[in-house]
Amino acid sequence: MAAVMHRSSSDGGSSSGWSEAAAAAAAGDERAGWEVRPSGMVVQAREEGVAAAGGGGGGGIGIPPRPPPPEITVRVKYGAARHEVAVSSIASFGELKKLLAARTGLLPADQRLTYKGKERSNSDYLDVCGVKNKSKLVLAEDPTSVERRYIERQKNAKIESANRAIGAIALEVDKLADQVRSIEKSITRGSKVAEVQITTLIELLMRLAVKLDSIHAEGDSSSQKNIQVSTYMISCLQRG
C-alpha cells in the first residue's frame, strides 16, 4: 500500500467520508503501524502510536515489526556556515535542534529554525511540515538569548572587578592584622603602646572598611565578611 492515502472525492468534491475500500485499508494499516491524520491522510505512525497498536514494537500475533523510519539529510544554513545533519524523517524540530547544538554551540532554547520562510516550533514534525531529504533550513540565534548573554557578560565582568578589588583590600587587611596582633600582645603584657600607633592603625582599618563598603558585589559575601573582620579589629584596638 502507498505510504499516504487521501479521502475519496467521488461524491462531487465533498470530503465528508471515506470510501469503504479506503476505510478498510486505513483500519488495517493502523493495526500495522499507520495512523490517520486530522487532514485525512494515512501516514506511518510514530513510536508512541506503534507501541499502542502493536504491543510495544510489533509484538502482536501475525503483525510483523515495522521497519525503522528512513533517515534523511537536511541542509542547515547558520550565518556563513553550512551544516548537513542526518536525522530521522519523522523527528521533530526540537530533536533536530539538539543535533544542531553539538554543531553550532547554540543551546536548543536559543535556536530559531525556519523552513520555507516560516519559523517552526519544537513540537512540529519534519515530515508533517514537508521536510524531505536535502531540504534546506535556516538557523538563527534567538535575539533574546543574545541580549541575555550580553547582560550575563556585563554582570560577570562587574563581579570579577569587585572580586579583584576585594582581594587587594584583603591583602592590606592581612598586613595590618599582623600589627594589630603585635599591639594586642604588648598591651596584654602591660607594655605601653604609643597612642599615635594605635590611632594610625584605626584610621587605616576604617579607610579599608569604607573601601569595602563602596564595592558593589552582588551575590558575593566576601565584601561583608571583610568588613566584619575590619570592624572586629577596630573594636579590639579600642578596647585596648
Protein backbone atom coordinates (compact mmCIF):
# COMPACT_ATOMS: atom_id res chain seq x y z
CA MET A 1 0.00 0.00 0.00
CA ALA A 2 1.15 3.56 -0.63
CA ALA A 3 2.51 5.45 2.39
CA VAL A 4 -0.20 8.12 2.11
CA MET A 5 -3.92 7.64 1.33
CA HIS A 6 -6.28 10.55 0.60
CA ARG A 7 -10.00 10.86 1.19
CA SER A 8 -12.40 9.91 -1.57
CA SER A 9 -13.58 12.86 -3.65
CA SER A 10 -16.00 10.94 -5.88
CA ASP A 11 -19.00 12.49 -4.15
CA GLY A 12 -18.79 15.71 -6.08
CA GLY A 13 -15.89 17.29 -4.23
CA SER A 14 -17.15 16.55 -0.72
CA SER A 15 -14.59 15.24 1.79
CA SER A 16 -17.15 14.08 4.32
CA GLY A 17 -16.25 10.38 4.32
CA TRP A 18 -14.00 7.56 3.25
CA SER A 19 -14.84 5.03 0.58
CA GLU A 20 -15.38 1.56 2.03
CA ALA A 21 -12.18 0.28 0.45
CA ALA A 22 -10.12 3.19 1.79
CA ALA A 23 -11.62 2.84 5.25
CA ALA A 24 -10.85 -0.87 5.35
CA ALA A 25 -7.31 -0.27 4.17
CA ALA A 26 -6.82 2.51 6.72
CA ALA A 27 -8.12 0.31 9.53
CA GLY A 28 -5.76 -2.48 8.54
CA ASP A 29 -2.82 -0.11 8.24
CA GLU A 30 -3.47 1.43 11.66
CA ARG A 31 -3.08 -2.01 13.18
CA ALA A 32 0.17 -2.46 11.25
CA GLY A 33 1.71 0.79 12.47
CA TRP A 34 -0.02 3.55 10.46
CA GLU A 35 -2.16 6.41 11.71
CA VAL A 36 -4.83 8.73 10.30
CA ARG A 37 -4.00 12.45 10.32
CA PRO A 38 -6.67 15.12 11.01
CA SER A 39 -6.11 16.26 7.42
CA GLY A 40 -7.40 12.91 6.18
CA MET A 41 -4.12 11.22 5.30
CA VAL A 42 -2.90 7.85 6.48
CA VAL A 43 0.79 8.08 7.37
CA GLN A 44 3.38 5.94 9.11
CA ALA A 45 2.73 6.01 12.86
CA ARG A 46 5.28 7.40 15.30
CA GLU A 47 6.83 5.37 18.06
CA GLU A 48 4.12 6.01 20.63
CA GLY A 49 1.42 5.06 18.13
CA VAL A 50 3.20 1.88 17.19
CA ALA A 51 3.69 0.87 20.82
CA ALA A 52 -0.04 1.22 21.43
CA ALA A 53 -1.14 -0.55 18.26
CA GLY A 54 1.48 -3.28 18.09
CA GLY A 55 2.11 -4.07 21.72
CA GLY A 56 5.37 -2.11 22.02
CA GLY A 57 7.13 -2.62 18.70
CA GLY A 58 5.29 -5.14 16.56
CA GLY A 59 4.90 -7.91 19.12
CA GLY A 60 1.27 -8.63 18.15
CA ILE A 61 0.31 -12.01 16.72
CA GLY A 62 0.56 -12.05 12.95
CA ILE A 63 1.84 -8.45 12.73
CA PRO A 64 5.47 -8.17 11.63
CA PRO A 65 7.61 -5.48 13.30
CA ARG A 66 7.56 -2.16 11.49
CA PRO A 67 10.91 -1.17 9.96
CA PRO A 68 12.52 1.98 11.37
CA PRO A 69 11.66 5.23 9.58
CA PRO A 70 14.13 6.29 6.91
CA GLU A 71 16.88 8.76 7.73
CA ILE A 72 17.23 11.95 5.76
CA THR A 73 19.93 14.60 5.47
CA VAL A 74 18.87 18.21 5.88
CA ARG A 75 20.94 21.23 4.92
CA VAL A 76 21.01 23.94 7.57
CA LYS A 77 22.33 27.45 6.94
CA TYR A 78 23.62 29.25 10.02
CA GLY A 79 25.17 32.59 9.19
CA ALA A 80 28.02 31.92 6.78
CA ALA A 81 28.24 28.27 7.83
CA ARG A 82 26.50 25.33 6.20
CA HIS A 83 25.70 22.11 8.03
CA GLU A 84 24.40 18.79 6.74
CA VAL A 85 22.66 16.86 9.50
CA ALA A 86 21.38 13.28 9.35
CA VAL A 87 18.08 12.92 11.19
CA SER A 88 15.04 10.65 11.29
CA SER A 89 12.45 11.62 8.69
CA ILE A 90 9.74 11.70 11.38
CA ALA A 91 11.76 13.60 14.01
CA SER A 92 10.53 16.85 15.49
CA PHE A 93 12.22 20.20 15.04
CA GLY A 94 13.05 20.09 18.75
CA GLU A 95 15.02 16.87 18.20
CA LEU A 96 16.79 18.44 15.23
CA LYS A 97 17.79 21.40 17.41
CA LYS A 98 19.50 19.02 19.84
CA LEU A 99 21.61 17.66 16.98
CA LEU A 100 22.44 21.18 15.81
CA ALA A 101 23.53 22.21 19.31
CA ALA A 102 26.59 19.95 19.03
CA ARG A 103 27.47 21.50 15.65
CA THR A 104 26.85 25.17 16.39
CA GLY A 105 27.32 25.52 20.13
CA LEU A 106 23.87 27.09 20.40
CA LEU A 107 21.61 25.70 23.08
CA PRO A 108 18.32 24.34 21.70
CA ALA A 109 16.43 27.02 23.62
CA ASP A 110 18.46 29.71 21.83
CA GLN A 111 17.77 28.36 18.33
CA ARG A 112 15.18 29.50 15.80
CA LEU A 113 14.66 27.15 12.86
CA THR A 114 12.94 28.40 9.72
CA TYR A 115 11.66 26.26 6.87
CA LYS A 116 10.11 27.77 3.74
CA GLY A 117 10.08 31.19 5.36
CA LYS A 118 8.21 30.11 8.49
CA GLU A 119 9.63 29.56 11.95
CA ARG A 120 8.91 26.07 13.23
CA SER A 121 8.20 25.18 16.84
CA ASN A 122 9.85 22.35 18.75
CA SER A 123 6.68 20.25 18.55
CA ASP A 124 6.41 20.47 14.75
CA TYR A 125 7.43 17.33 12.87
CA LEU A 126 9.74 17.37 9.86
CA ASP A 127 7.59 15.12 7.67
CA VAL A 128 4.37 16.95 8.52
CA CYS A 129 5.96 20.26 7.51
CA GLY A 130 7.17 18.74 4.25
CA VAL A 131 10.86 18.44 5.09
CA LYS A 132 12.50 15.86 2.87
CA ASN A 133 15.98 14.62 2.04
CA LYS A 134 18.28 17.54 1.14
CA SER A 135 15.69 20.12 2.25
CA LYS A 136 17.14 23.50 3.21
CA LEU A 137 16.51 25.14 6.58
CA VAL A 138 17.76 28.36 8.13
CA LEU A 139 19.04 28.55 11.70
CA ALA A 140 19.27 31.82 13.61
CA GLU A 141 20.01 32.72 17.18
CA ASP A 142 17.10 33.94 19.25
CA PRO A 143 17.61 37.72 19.72
CA THR A 144 16.51 37.47 23.34
CA SER A 145 19.32 35.00 24.03
CA VAL A 146 21.86 37.43 22.54
CA GLU A 147 20.65 40.15 24.89
CA ARG A 148 20.58 37.73 27.80
CA ARG A 149 24.19 36.67 27.20
CA TYR A 150 25.29 40.30 26.92
CA ILE A 151 23.70 41.11 30.27
CA GLU A 152 25.29 37.99 31.77
CA ARG A 153 28.75 39.03 30.48
CA GLN A 154 28.32 42.50 31.93
CA LYS A 155 27.28 41.06 35.27
CA ASN A 156 30.23 38.64 35.34
CA ALA A 157 32.64 41.46 34.47
CA LYS A 158 31.36 43.51 37.42
CA ILE A 159 31.69 40.54 39.75
CA GLU A 160 35.26 39.88 38.62
CA SER A 161 36.17 43.54 39.07
CA ALA A 162 34.65 43.55 42.56
CA ASN A 163 36.48 40.36 43.49
CA ARG A 164 39.80 41.86 42.39
CA ALA A 165 39.17 44.97 44.47
CA ILE A 166 38.15 42.89 47.48
CA GLY A 167 41.25 40.73 47.08
CA ALA A 168 43.54 43.77 47.03
CA ILE A 169 41.94 45.19 50.17
CA ALA A 170 42.10 41.80 51.88
CA LEU A 171 45.88 41.80 51.40
CA GLU A 172 46.11 45.19 53.09
CA VAL A 173 43.92 43.96 55.93
CA ASP A 174 46.21 40.95 56.42
CA LYS A 175 49.23 43.24 56.71
CA LEU A 176 47.51 45.45 59.26
CA ALA A 177 46.28 42.39 61.16
CA ASP A 178 49.88 41.46 61.99
CA GLN A 179 50.38 44.90 63.51
CA VAL A 180 47.12 44.61 65.45
CA ARG A 181 48.18 41.28 66.96
CA SER A 182 51.56 42.71 67.92
CA ILE A 183 49.91 45.64 69.69
CA GLU A 184 47.45 43.32 71.47
CA LYS A 185 50.34 41.23 72.82
CA SER A 186 52.13 44.33 74.06
CA ILE A 187 49.01 45.58 75.82
CA THR A 188 48.41 42.14 77.36
CA ARG A 189 51.96 42.10 78.78
CA GLY A 190 51.41 45.53 80.28
CA SER A 191 53.72 47.31 77.88
CA LYS A 192 52.84 50.84 76.88
CA VAL A 193 51.96 51.42 73.23
CA ALA A 194 52.21 54.84 71.64
CA GLU A 195 48.78 56.34 71.12
CA VAL A 196 49.73 57.58 67.65
CA GLN A 197 50.46 54.00 66.59
CA ILE A 198 47.01 52.83 67.66
CA THR A 199 45.32 55.86 66.09
CA THR A 200 47.10 55.30 62.79
CA LEU A 201 46.05 51.66 62.65
CA ILE A 202 42.45 52.55 63.45
CA GLU A 203 42.38 55.14 60.64
CA LEU A 204 43.87 52.70 58.13
CA LEU A 205 41.39 49.99 59.05
CA MET A 206 38.47 52.39 58.85
CA ARG A 207 39.56 53.52 55.40
CA LEU A 208 39.67 49.91 54.25
CA ALA A 209 36.23 49.33 55.71
CA VAL A 210 34.90 52.31 53.74
CA LYS A 211 36.51 50.99 50.55
CA LEU A 212 34.95 47.58 51.05
CA ASP A 213 31.57 49.10 51.77
CA SER A 214 31.69 51.03 48.47
CA ILE A 215 32.32 47.90 46.40
CA HIS A 216 29.16 46.50 44.85
CA ALA A 217 29.48 42.72 44.64
CA GLU A 218 26.05 41.27 44.02
CA GLY A 219 25.77 37.71 45.25
CA ASP A 220 29.24 37.85 46.83
CA SER A 221 29.54 37.68 50.62
CA SER A 222 33.31 38.33 50.66
CA SER A 223 32.81 42.08 50.95
CA GLN A 224 30.59 41.81 54.01
CA LYS A 225 32.93 39.26 55.60
CA ASN A 226 35.96 41.50 55.24
CA ILE A 227 34.05 44.47 56.63
CA GLN A 228 33.21 42.43 59.71
CA VAL A 229 36.89 41.48 60.12
CA SER A 230 37.91 45.12 59.95
CA THR A 231 35.22 46.13 62.43
CA TYR A 232 36.35 43.41 64.83
CA MET A 233 39.96 44.56 64.73
CA ILE A 234 38.92 48.16 65.29
CA SER A 235 36.89 47.18 68.35
CA CYS A 236 39.86 45.20 69.71
CA LEU A 237 42.10 48.25 69.44
CA GLN A 238 39.52 50.46 71.08
CA ARG A 239 39.19 48.02 73.99
CA GLY A 240 42.95 48.05 74.38
